Amino acid sequence: MQLYAGYQSLVTLVLGVVALGCEVFAFVDALRHPENAFVAAGKRTKRFWLLITGVALLFGSISVFDPIGLLGLAAFLGAAVYLADVRPALRQVRGLGGRSSSGW
């Protein structure tokens, strides 16, 4: 039974570190884009998203050993919304990445 608890702790720690990595990436990515790109994409302001991702980073660093607790889930949710919704819109507005018009 003690071996099971060890594996469970390891899996929880790995989840916490991966979530923290997502939160760091979201915050750094929000820093990289100019203010006007946020407005052009219709995604609130840069200051708003820096606040959301910054608080997510803070909560994520506090809850790295408990990523499925309330703070850990809230932190990951803030970063996930940015990464899934805001980041693609910013990249499209700025002409970064994306697919070519030929369909390939």
Protein backbone atom coordinates (compact mmCIF):
# COMPACT_ATOMS: atom_id res chain seq x y z
CA MET A 1 0.00 0.00 0.00
CA GLN A 2 2.90 2.32 0.70
CA LEU A 3 4.21 1.77 -2.84
CA TYR A 4 0.83 2.85 -4.25
CA ALA A 5 0.93 6.06 -2.20
CA GLY A 6 4.41 6.76 -3.55
CA TYR A 7 3.25 6.40 -7.15
CA GLN A 8 0.22 8.54 -6.44
CA SER A 9 2.42 11.30 -5.02
CA LEU A 10 4.73 11.10 -8.01
CA VAL A 11 1.86 11.36 -10.49
CA THR A 12 0.41 14.31 -8.57
CA LEU A 13 3.78 16.07 -8.60
CA VAL A 14 4.21 15.48 -12.34
CA LEU A 15 0.73 16.92 -12.98
CA GLY A 16 1.60 19.93 -10.84
CA VAL A 17 4.86 20.58 -12.68
CA VAL A 18 3.18 20.23 -16.10
CA ALA A 19 0.40 22.61 -15.03
CA LEU A 20 2.97 25.09 -13.73
CA GLY A 21 4.80 24.87 -17.05
CA CYS A 22 1.57 25.75 -18.88
CA GLU A 23 1.02 28.70 -16.56
CA VAL A 24 4.57 30.00 -17.06
CA PHE A 25 4.22 29.62 -20.84
CA ALA A 26 0.88 31.47 -20.86
CA PHE A 27 2.28 34.37 -18.82
CA VAL A 28 5.43 34.72 -20.93
CA ASP A 29 3.41 34.50 -24.14
CA ALA A 30 1.05 37.24 -22.93
CA LEU A 31 4.10 39.42 -22.24
CA ARG A 32 5.41 38.94 -25.79
CA HIS A 33 2.37 40.26 -27.67
CA PRO A 34 1.80 44.01 -28.11
CA GLU A 35 -1.21 45.75 -26.54
CA ASN A 36 -2.85 46.56 -29.87
CA ALA A 37 -2.92 42.88 -30.88
CA PHE A 38 -5.20 42.08 -27.93
CA VAL A 39 -7.60 44.86 -28.89
CA ALA A 40 -7.50 43.91 -32.60
CA ALA A 41 -8.29 40.29 -31.71
CA GLY A 42 -11.22 41.40 -29.54
CA LYS A 43 -9.79 39.68 -26.46
CA ARG A 44 -9.91 42.38 -23.74
CA THR A 45 -6.61 44.11 -22.93
CA LYS A 46 -3.04 43.02 -22.42
CA ARG A 47 -3.18 44.21 -18.80
CA PHE A 48 -6.25 42.02 -18.18
CA TRP A 49 -4.56 38.89 -19.57
CA LEU A 50 -1.31 39.62 -17.75
CA LEU A 51 -3.34 39.83 -14.54
CA ILE A 52 -5.17 36.56 -15.26
CA THR A 53 -2.05 34.64 -16.27
CA GLY A 54 0.03 36.24 -13.50
CA VAL A 55 -2.46 35.21 -10.82
CA ALA A 56 -2.62 31.76 -12.43
CA LEU A 57 1.16 31.55 -12.21
CA LEU A 58 1.10 32.62 -8.56
CA PHE A 59 -1.62 30.12 -7.63
CA GLY A 60 0.08 27.41 -9.68
CA SER A 61 3.39 27.90 -7.91
CA ILE A 62 1.64 27.71 -4.54
CA SER A 63 -0.29 24.58 -5.45
CA VAL A 64 2.35 22.61 -7.39
CA PHE A 65 2.05 19.74 -4.89
CA ASP A 66 -1.77 19.84 -5.02
CA PRO A 67 -2.69 20.54 -8.66
CA ILE A 68 -6.18 19.08 -8.33
CA GLY A 69 -7.12 21.31 -5.41
CA LEU A 70 -9.20 24.46 -5.83
CA LEU A 71 -6.23 26.82 -6.34
CA GLY A 72 -4.47 24.44 -8.71
CA LEU A 73 -7.53 23.96 -10.88
CA ALA A 74 -8.29 27.69 -10.94
CA ALA A 75 -4.70 28.43 -11.95
CA PHE A 76 -4.71 25.89 -14.74
CA LEU A 77 -8.11 27.06 -15.96
CA GLY A 78 -6.88 30.66 -16.31
CA ALA A 79 -3.84 29.57 -18.30
CA ALA A 80 -5.85 27.11 -20.38
CA VAL A 81 -8.39 29.75 -21.42
CA TYR A 82 -5.56 32.02 -22.54
CA LEU A 83 -3.76 29.25 -24.42
CA ALA A 84 -6.87 27.82 -26.08
CA ASP A 85 -8.73 31.02 -26.97
CA VAL A 86 -6.62 34.17 -26.73
CA ARG A 87 -3.25 32.95 -28.01
CA PRO A 88 -4.58 31.58 -31.33
CA ALA A 89 -6.50 34.82 -31.94
CA LEU A 90 -3.39 36.88 -31.22
CA ARG A 91 -1.28 34.76 -33.53
CA GLN A 92 -3.86 35.09 -36.30
CA VAL A 93 -4.05 38.88 -35.94
CA ARG A 94 -0.27 39.18 -36.00
CA GLY A 95 0.12 36.74 -38.90
CA LEU A 96 2.25 34.28 -36.91
CA GLY A 97 2.16 30.57 -37.62
CA GLY A 98 -1.16 29.47 -38.96
CA ARG A 99 -1.90 27.55 -42.11
CA SER A 100 -1.15 28.66 -45.62
CA SER A 101 -3.97 29.54 -48.01
CA SER A 102 -3.12 26.57 -50.28
CA GLY A 103 -4.60 24.10 -47.78
CA TRP A 104 -1.34 22.33 -46.99
